[in-house]
Amino acid sequence: MAADSTGGHTTLQALLGVAIVLWGLASVTALLAWGSRVAGRHRPRRRDPRDHGRTGPRRRRRRATNNPTLPAAAPATPSAAVAIEHVAHPPVDEPPDAVVASKPWPESAPATYLRPPAIAGARCSPETLEPLADDLDASHRLAVAEARVADTLAALPADRWLVERYVVIAGHRIPFLILGETGVFAVWALSGPPIWDELPIPSHVAAHVTDTLPGYGGPVQVGLCRALAASGLQPRWWCRPGEPGAWVMGSDWLIRWLEHFGPAHGLGVTDLERLRELAVPKPGPARRTSDVIPDLR
């Protein structure tokens, strides 16, 4: 009996010892895992040097850059900056190697712009400035005349007439392109009496307008409005023998001149609505037209 009792106590003690050792190992493992997590929380996070100083607007610019429909953002450094105007897509009639590279910002340019002091005194004589001053004065008078013509045309019913300002067709600038119930009109404002040498020019420009209306059976009427002249200047056809001419009138006769042609070649209300819808900006690259050089196409 003594031998059996001694052997039983020895086995029980061995099992207890193994259990105590396993519990101790598990406790040490759990303690080490907890310590590593705590150390990871307080460890300073390494940041990408490129993210230094990144703010909300920068992130918004990154999203805009990743959008394939928007152009990429320009470089921030002056040495890498390029001109804004550049050839993004080569014309279809030119090979890709014909694209001219944009000119970079000069390396010698200062990083920060400092406004220079004002230049005291005069560097040009009055004789040097007088020719340009005359052209500026004529431009100011022309702007006033065009404003008066615009005020006059504003009385036309908007549903029956479409008045477009500063239309560029084939490189020519038309101050007023008018479409309505009596036809299509190209109107220029004059700051004084017409010059004989300039009378044929509006008719040549009107021919380009006709090219943009394939299938239109009526003529494009040309009018020159002397907006600064005294009232009562009735419409008259001016031309030299063998040359195209134009109608010349005062601003108080402009609307009556538009309406007297009759509805034979007029545009309907639905035509004008469709034209307005077709003229709105569309997705994708815009068709490039000649802005400066006449008769480029």
Foldseek 3Di string as FASTA:
>chain_A
DVVVVVVVVVVVVVVVVVVVVVVVVVVVVVVVVVVVVVVVVPDDDDDDVVCVPDDDVNVVLVVQQPPPQHDHDADDFQQRGFDPDAPPDDDPVDDPVPGDDTDGRDPPDDRDDDDDDDDDDDDDDCVVCVVVVVVVVQVVLQVVQLVLLVVLVVPDDPLFKDWDAQDAFQQDTQGIWMAGQQGTEGEGEHCDDDDQVCFQVQVVVQVRVVVVVPPQDDGYAYEYEDAPDDPDFEWDWDHDPPGHGHIYGYSVCVVVVSPPNHRPRHDHSVRVVVVVVVPDDDPDDDDDHHNHDHNPD
